[in-house]
Protein backbone atom coordinates (compact mmCIF):
# COMPACT_ATOMS: atom_id res chain seq x y z
CA UNK A 1 0.00 0.00 0.00
CA UNK A 2 1.32 3.43 -0.94
CA UNK A 3 2.01 5.90 1.81
CA UNK A 4 -0.16 8.99 1.55
CA UNK A 5 1.35 12.27 2.69
CA UNK A 6 -0.85 14.53 4.80
CA UNK A 7 -2.47 17.33 2.83
CA UNK A 8 -0.66 19.90 4.95
CA UNK A 9 2.77 18.56 4.02
CA UNK A 10 4.23 20.49 1.11
CA UNK A 11 7.50 19.63 -0.56
CA UNK A 12 10.26 22.21 0.14
CA UNK A 13 10.52 23.48 -3.46
CA UNK A 14 6.74 23.88 -3.71
CA UNK A 15 6.74 25.69 -0.37
CA UNK A 16 9.42 28.12 -1.59
CA UNK A 17 7.49 28.71 -4.80
CA UNK A 18 4.25 29.35 -2.88
CA UNK A 19 6.04 31.80 -0.56
CA UNK A 20 7.63 33.63 -3.47
CA UNK A 21 4.31 33.83 -5.30
CA UNK A 22 2.63 35.25 -2.18
CA UNK A 23 5.31 37.93 -1.94
CA UNK A 24 4.91 38.72 -5.64
CA UNK A 25 1.17 39.22 -5.15
CA UNK A 26 1.97 41.85 -2.51
CA UNK A 27 3.86 43.73 -5.18
CA UNK A 28 6.71 46.17 -4.90
CA UNK A 29 5.79 48.49 -2.05
CA UNK A 30 9.30 49.90 -1.69
CA UNK A 31 8.28 53.42 -2.67
CA UNK A 32 5.65 53.47 0.08
CA UNK A 33 8.15 52.04 2.59
CA UNK A 34 10.60 54.87 1.83
CA UNK A 35 8.09 57.20 3.43
CA UNK A 36 8.04 55.40 6.78
CA UNK A 37 9.23 57.97 9.29
CA UNK A 38 9.91 55.68 12.23
CA UNK A 39 12.70 53.19 12.75
CA UNK A 40 11.84 49.74 11.41
CA UNK A 41 12.95 46.49 13.03
CA UNK A 42 13.02 43.57 10.61
CA UNK A 43 13.04 40.20 12.35
CA UNK A 44 13.83 36.88 10.74
CA UNK A 45 14.89 33.49 11.96
CA UNK A 46 18.10 31.60 11.35
CA UNK A 47 15.94 28.69 10.14
CA UNK A 48 13.61 30.78 7.94
CA UNK A 49 13.46 29.90 4.24
CA UNK A 50 16.10 31.65 2.13
CA UNK A 51 13.60 33.69 0.13
CA UNK A 52 12.34 35.31 3.35
CA UNK A 53 15.89 36.28 4.26
CA UNK A 54 16.38 37.72 0.78
CA UNK A 55 13.23 39.80 1.13
CA UNK A 56 14.32 41.09 4.55
CA UNK A 57 17.68 42.14 3.09
CA UNK A 58 15.89 44.03 0.30
CA UNK A 59 13.49 45.69 2.73
CA UNK A 60 16.38 46.73 4.97
CA UNK A 61 17.69 48.98 2.20
CA UNK A 62 14.42 50.88 1.74
CA UNK A 63 13.28 52.80 4.85
CA UNK A 64 15.49 55.61 6.13
CA UNK A 65 16.17 53.77 9.40
CA UNK A 66 16.05 49.99 9.87
CA UNK A 67 17.85 47.12 11.54
CA UNK A 68 17.76 43.38 10.95
CA UNK A 69 17.77 40.94 13.85
CA UNK A 70 17.75 37.18 13.53
CA UNK A 71 16.20 34.91 16.12
CA UNK A 72 18.55 31.98 16.66
CA UNK A 73 16.94 28.64 15.80
CA UNK A 74 13.68 30.26 14.73
CA UNK A 75 11.85 29.49 11.52
CA UNK A 76 8.48 30.55 10.19
CA UNK A 77 6.77 30.14 13.58
CA UNK A 78 9.52 31.93 15.50
CA UNK A 79 7.29 34.70 16.87
CA UNK A 80 5.03 32.04 18.40
CA UNK A 81 7.59 29.48 19.56
CA UNK A 82 10.15 32.05 20.67
CA UNK A 83 7.89 34.84 21.87
CA UNK A 84 10.25 35.69 24.74
CA UNK A 85 13.12 36.18 22.30
CA UNK A 86 10.94 38.41 20.14
CA UNK A 87 9.93 40.51 23.14
CA UNK A 88 13.60 40.92 24.08
CA UNK A 89 14.42 42.09 20.54
CA UNK A 90 11.54 44.56 20.55
CA UNK A 91 12.41 45.97 23.97
CA UNK A 92 16.06 46.42 23.01
CA UNK A 93 15.06 48.16 19.79
CA UNK A 94 12.61 50.44 21.59
CA UNK A 95 15.23 51.34 24.19
CA UNK A 96 17.66 52.25 21.41
CA UNK A 97 15.39 54.08 18.97
CA UNK A 98 12.46 55.55 20.87
CA UNK A 99 12.92 58.66 22.94
CA UNK A 100 10.42 59.32 25.71
């Protein structure tokens, strides 16, 4: 009997293609992002798919002020699985870039 893969399991290349297509549907919003007046923190994971890392690198070049931080060992669900790490990144960024 053939083994049937669960419907939620997508092959890695198909997953990358789906992610890239989703980003393409969003379109090039770089011109709008240039107008963002506040500092932007871009967060990725060290286990995130390569195309997400590529997009973060591109976005980093657009707004007047931005930083990239990577959550060690985090992938697509990093903000959920590593919420404490995300909070630490946000608090450090706020302490550095927000004046009260």
